[in-house]
């Protein structure tokens, strides 16, 4: 296994699975003689950021007027940035 200039290595998938290490997990490193030991810390995995973002987006969408709830994300972002006037359906109050 290759160690990068930054000291990074990839933990093989079968070892990550067996040890219960997933994205967002925390691990600690210790030295036992000449062996480097990696140990999972705590009892669980931190929340996946994507899940947090999805929940925030759902809360934001729920707080919108009904005509905005059906718009695609790119339409909403253009409207919020002022890049585009509100889509015709929103101006008319339906979609």
N, C-alpha and C. Protein backbone atom coordinates (compact mmCIF):
# COMPACT_ATOMS: atom_id res chain seq x y z
N UNK A 1 0.86 -1.17 0.00
CA UNK A 1 0.00 0.00 0.00
C UNK A 1 0.90 1.23 0.00
N UNK A 2 0.50 2.24 -0.73
CA UNK A 2 1.29 3.45 -0.92
C UNK A 2 0.83 4.53 0.07
N UNK A 3 1.76 5.22 0.70
CA UNK A 3 1.47 6.35 1.56
C UNK A 3 1.74 7.61 0.75
N UNK A 4 0.76 8.53 0.69
CA UNK A 4 0.92 9.76 -0.09
C UNK A 4 1.86 10.73 0.63
N UNK A 5 2.20 11.83 -0.06
CA UNK A 5 3.04 12.87 0.53
C UNK A 5 2.41 13.46 1.78
N UNK A 6 1.10 13.43 1.86
CA UNK A 6 0.38 13.95 3.02
C UNK A 6 0.22 12.91 4.12
N UNK A 7 0.75 11.71 3.92
CA UNK A 7 0.64 10.65 4.92
C UNK A 7 -0.68 9.90 4.85
N UNK A 8 -1.38 10.01 3.74
CA UNK A 8 -2.68 9.36 3.60
C UNK A 8 -2.56 7.98 2.97
N UNK A 9 -3.44 7.09 3.41
CA UNK A 9 -3.57 5.76 2.81
C UNK A 9 -5.06 5.45 2.69
N UNK A 10 -5.39 4.53 1.83
CA UNK A 10 -6.77 4.08 1.70
C UNK A 10 -6.93 2.79 2.48
N UNK A 11 -7.88 2.77 3.38
CA UNK A 11 -8.15 1.55 4.13
C UNK A 11 -8.97 0.64 3.22
N UNK A 12 -8.51 -0.57 2.97
CA UNK A 12 -9.26 -1.47 2.08
C UNK A 12 -10.70 -1.65 2.55
N UNK A 13 -11.61 -1.76 1.59
CA UNK A 13 -13.04 -1.82 1.89
C UNK A 13 -13.39 -2.97 2.84
N UNK A 14 -12.84 -4.14 2.61
CA UNK A 14 -13.20 -5.28 3.47
C UNK A 14 -12.77 -5.04 4.92
N UNK A 15 -11.70 -4.30 5.13
CA UNK A 15 -11.26 -3.99 6.49
C UNK A 15 -12.16 -2.92 7.10
N UNK A 16 -12.53 -1.90 6.31
CA UNK A 16 -13.45 -0.85 6.80
C UNK A 16 -14.77 -1.47 7.23
N UNK A 17 -15.30 -2.38 6.41
CA UNK A 17 -16.57 -3.03 6.72
C UNK A 17 -16.45 -3.86 8.00
N UNK A 18 -15.41 -4.66 8.08
CA UNK A 18 -15.22 -5.52 9.25
C UNK A 18 -15.05 -4.71 10.53
N UNK A 19 -14.42 -3.54 10.44
CA UNK A 19 -14.16 -2.70 11.61
C UNK A 19 -15.31 -1.74 11.89
N UNK A 20 -16.28 -1.65 10.98
CA UNK A 20 -17.40 -0.73 11.17
C UNK A 20 -17.01 0.72 10.94
N UNK A 21 -16.03 0.94 10.08
CA UNK A 21 -15.59 2.30 9.77
C UNK A 21 -16.25 2.72 8.46
N UNK A 22 -17.04 3.79 8.55
CA UNK A 22 -17.77 4.30 7.39
C UNK A 22 -17.43 5.78 7.21
N UNK A 23 -17.79 6.37 6.06
CA UNK A 23 -17.55 7.80 5.89
C UNK A 23 -18.13 8.59 7.06
N UNK A 24 -17.33 9.48 7.63
CA UNK A 24 -17.75 10.26 8.78
C UNK A 24 -17.33 9.65 10.10
N UNK A 25 -16.86 8.40 10.09
CA UNK A 25 -16.39 7.77 11.33
C UNK A 25 -15.13 8.46 11.81
N UNK A 26 -14.92 8.40 13.10
CA UNK A 26 -13.66 8.89 13.66
C UNK A 26 -12.82 7.69 14.07
N UNK A 27 -11.52 7.81 13.88
CA UNK A 27 -10.59 6.76 14.28
C UNK A 27 -9.45 7.40 15.06
N UNK A 28 -8.77 6.58 15.85
CA UNK A 28 -7.57 7.04 16.53
C UNK A 28 -6.41 6.17 16.08
N UNK A 29 -5.21 6.72 16.18
CA UNK A 29 -4.00 6.01 15.79
C UNK A 29 -3.13 5.82 17.02
N UNK A 30 -2.52 4.64 17.13
CA UNK A 30 -1.58 4.41 18.22
C UNK A 30 -0.42 3.58 17.67
N UNK A 31 0.66 3.61 18.39
CA UNK A 31 1.85 2.87 18.00
C UNK A 31 2.09 1.79 19.03
N UNK A 32 2.11 0.53 18.58
CA UNK A 32 2.38 -0.62 19.45
C UNK A 32 3.64 -1.29 18.94
N UNK A 33 4.76 -0.96 19.55
CA UNK A 33 6.05 -1.42 19.04
C UNK A 33 6.29 -0.72 17.72
N UNK A 34 6.44 -1.49 16.64
CA UNK A 34 6.63 -0.91 15.31
C UNK A 34 5.35 -0.96 14.49
N UNK A 35 4.23 -1.32 15.14
CA UNK A 35 2.95 -1.43 14.44
C UNK A 35 2.10 -0.18 14.67
N UNK A 36 1.48 0.28 13.59
CA UNK A 36 0.51 1.37 13.68
C UNK A 36 -0.86 0.73 13.78
N UNK A 37 -1.61 1.10 14.82
CA UNK A 37 -2.93 0.52 15.06
C UNK A 37 -3.97 1.62 14.89
N UNK A 38 -4.98 1.34 14.08
CA UNK A 38 -6.09 2.27 13.85
C UNK A 38 -7.31 1.69 14.55
N UNK A 39 -7.92 2.49 15.42
CA UNK A 39 -9.06 2.02 16.20
C UNK A 39 -10.25 2.95 16.01
N UNK A 40 -11.43 2.40 15.69
CA UNK A 40 -12.63 3.25 15.60
C UNK A 40 -12.90 3.89 16.97
N UNK A 41 -13.31 5.14 16.98
CA UNK A 41 -13.58 5.87 18.22
C UNK A 41 -15.09 6.05 18.36
N UNK A 42 -15.60 5.89 19.57
CA UNK A 42 -17.02 6.12 19.82
C UNK A 42 -17.86 4.94 19.39
N UNK A 43 -19.16 5.18 19.45
CA UNK A 43 -20.07 4.07 19.18
C UNK A 43 -20.76 4.15 17.84
N UNK A 44 -20.64 5.29 17.15
CA UNK A 44 -21.38 5.39 15.90
C UNK A 44 -20.70 6.29 14.90
N UNK A 45 -21.33 6.42 13.78
CA UNK A 45 -20.83 7.24 12.68
C UNK A 45 -21.50 8.60 12.75
N UNK A 46 -20.74 9.66 12.50
CA UNK A 46 -21.34 10.98 12.45
C UNK A 46 -22.36 11.02 11.33
N UNK A 47 -23.33 11.92 11.46
CA UNK A 47 -24.34 12.05 10.41
C UNK A 47 -23.70 12.32 9.07
N UNK A 48 -24.20 11.69 8.07
CA UNK A 48 -23.76 11.94 6.71
C UNK A 48 -24.22 13.33 6.32
N UNK A 49 -23.33 14.18 5.83
CA UNK A 49 -23.67 15.56 5.48
C UNK A 49 -24.78 15.63 4.44
N UNK A 50 -24.81 14.66 3.54
CA UNK A 50 -25.87 14.67 2.52
C UNK A 50 -27.24 14.54 3.15
N UNK A 51 -27.37 13.71 4.18
CA UNK A 51 -28.65 13.57 4.86
C UNK A 51 -29.06 14.87 5.54
N UNK A 52 -28.08 15.56 6.13
CA UNK A 52 -28.36 16.84 6.78
C UNK A 52 -28.82 17.86 5.75
N UNK A 53 -28.16 17.90 4.59
CA UNK A 53 -28.55 18.83 3.54
C UNK A 53 -29.93 18.50 2.98
N UNK A 54 -30.21 17.22 2.79
CA UNK A 54 -31.53 16.83 2.29
C UNK A 54 -32.63 17.26 3.26
N UNK A 55 -32.38 17.08 4.57
CA UNK A 55 -33.38 17.47 5.56
C UNK A 55 -33.57 18.99 5.55
N UNK A 56 -32.49 19.76 5.42
CA UNK A 56 -32.60 21.22 5.37
C UNK A 56 -33.38 21.65 4.13
N UNK A 57 -33.10 21.00 3.00
CA UNK A 57 -33.82 21.32 1.77
C UNK A 57 -35.31 21.00 1.90
N UNK A 58 -35.62 19.91 2.56
CA UNK A 58 -37.03 19.53 2.76
C UNK A 58 -37.74 20.56 3.64
N UNK A 59 -37.05 21.03 4.69
CA UNK A 59 -37.65 22.06 5.56
C UNK A 59 -37.87 23.35 4.78
N UNK A 60 -36.88 23.74 3.97
CA UNK A 60 -37.00 24.96 3.18
C UNK A 60 -38.15 24.84 2.18
N UNK A 61 -38.22 23.71 1.49
CA UNK A 61 -39.28 23.51 0.50
C UNK A 61 -40.66 23.54 1.17
N UNK A 62 -40.77 22.95 2.36
CA UNK A 62 -42.06 22.93 3.07
C UNK A 62 -42.51 24.33 3.47
N UNK A 63 -41.55 25.24 3.67
CA UNK A 63 -41.92 26.59 4.09
C UNK A 63 -42.28 27.50 2.91
N UNK A 64 -42.11 27.02 1.69
CA UNK A 64 -42.39 27.83 0.50
C UNK A 64 -43.88 27.85 0.17
N UNK A 65 -44.25 28.86 -0.57
CA UNK A 65 -45.61 28.92 -1.07
C UNK A 65 -45.83 27.72 -1.99
N UNK A 66 -47.05 27.23 -2.05
CA UNK A 66 -47.33 26.02 -2.85
C UNK A 66 -46.82 26.09 -4.29
N UNK A 67 -46.90 27.25 -4.94
CA UNK A 67 -46.47 27.34 -6.34
C UNK A 67 -44.96 27.18 -6.48
N UNK A 68 -44.20 27.48 -5.43
CA UNK A 68 -42.75 27.31 -5.49
C UNK A 68 -42.33 25.87 -5.19
N UNK A 69 -43.13 25.14 -4.44
CA UNK A 69 -42.76 23.78 -4.03
C UNK A 69 -42.53 22.85 -5.22
N UNK A 70 -43.18 23.12 -6.34
CA UNK A 70 -43.09 22.23 -7.48
C UNK A 70 -41.97 22.62 -8.45
N UNK A 71 -41.30 23.72 -8.18
CA UNK A 71 -40.23 24.15 -9.08
C UNK A 71 -38.99 23.29 -8.89
N UNK A 72 -38.24 23.15 -9.94
CA UNK A 72 -36.96 22.44 -9.87
C UNK A 72 -35.95 23.34 -9.14
N UNK A 73 -34.93 22.73 -8.58
CA UNK A 73 -33.92 23.47 -7.81
C UNK A 73 -33.28 24.57 -8.65
N UNK A 74 -32.97 24.28 -9.91
CA UNK A 74 -32.32 25.31 -10.73
C UNK A 74 -33.24 26.50 -10.98
N UNK A 75 -34.55 26.25 -11.10
CA UNK A 75 -35.50 27.35 -11.27
C UNK A 75 -35.57 28.22 -10.02
N UNK A 76 -35.57 27.57 -8.86
CA UNK A 76 -35.60 28.30 -7.59
C UNK A 76 -34.34 29.13 -7.43
N UNK A 77 -33.18 28.54 -7.72
CA UNK A 77 -31.92 29.26 -7.55
C UNK A 77 -31.83 30.45 -8.50
N UNK A 78 -32.26 30.30 -9.73
CA UNK A 78 -32.26 31.42 -10.67
C UNK A 78 -33.15 32.54 -10.15
N UNK A 79 -34.32 32.18 -9.64
CA UNK A 79 -35.24 33.18 -9.12
C UNK A 79 -34.61 33.90 -7.92
N UNK A 80 -34.02 33.13 -6.98
CA UNK A 80 -33.43 33.74 -5.79
C UNK A 80 -32.24 34.64 -6.13
N UNK A 81 -31.48 34.26 -7.14
CA UNK A 81 -30.33 35.06 -7.56
C UNK A 81 -30.74 36.26 -8.40
N UNK A 82 -31.99 36.29 -8.81
CA UNK A 82 -32.45 37.38 -9.66
C UNK A 82 -31.99 37.25 -11.09
N UNK A 83 -31.52 36.07 -11.47
CA UNK A 83 -31.04 35.83 -12.83
C UNK A 83 -32.18 35.71 -13.82
N UNK A 84 -33.33 35.40 -13.32
CA UNK A 84 -34.46 35.12 -14.18
C UNK A 84 -35.71 35.57 -13.44
N UNK A 85 -36.64 36.12 -14.13
CA UNK A 85 -37.92 36.44 -13.51
C UNK A 85 -38.58 35.14 -13.08
N UNK A 86 -39.50 35.21 -12.16
CA UNK A 86 -40.20 34.00 -11.72
C UNK A 86 -40.83 33.31 -12.92
N UNK A 87 -40.78 32.00 -12.94
CA UNK A 87 -41.43 31.28 -14.05
C UNK A 87 -42.89 31.69 -14.17
N UNK A 88 -43.42 31.62 -15.37
CA UNK A 88 -44.78 32.05 -15.65
C UNK A 88 -45.79 31.39 -14.71
N UNK A 89 -45.59 30.11 -14.41
CA UNK A 89 -46.53 29.42 -13.55
C UNK A 89 -46.60 30.05 -12.17
N UNK A 90 -45.46 30.53 -11.67
CA UNK A 90 -45.43 31.18 -10.38
C UNK A 90 -46.11 32.53 -10.46
N UNK A 91 -45.85 33.27 -11.53
CA UNK A 91 -46.48 34.59 -11.69
C UNK A 91 -48.00 34.45 -11.76
N UNK A 92 -48.46 33.34 -12.37
CA UNK A 92 -49.91 33.12 -12.49
C UNK A 92 -50.47 32.50 -11.21
N UNK A 93 -49.58 31.98 -10.34
CA UNK A 93 -50.05 31.39 -9.08
C UNK A 93 -50.36 29.92 -9.16
N UNK A 94 -49.91 29.24 -10.23
CA UNK A 94 -50.12 27.79 -10.31
C UNK A 94 -49.04 27.18 -11.16
N UNK A 95 -49.00 25.87 -11.13
CA UNK A 95 -48.05 25.14 -11.96
C UNK A 95 -48.59 23.79 -12.27
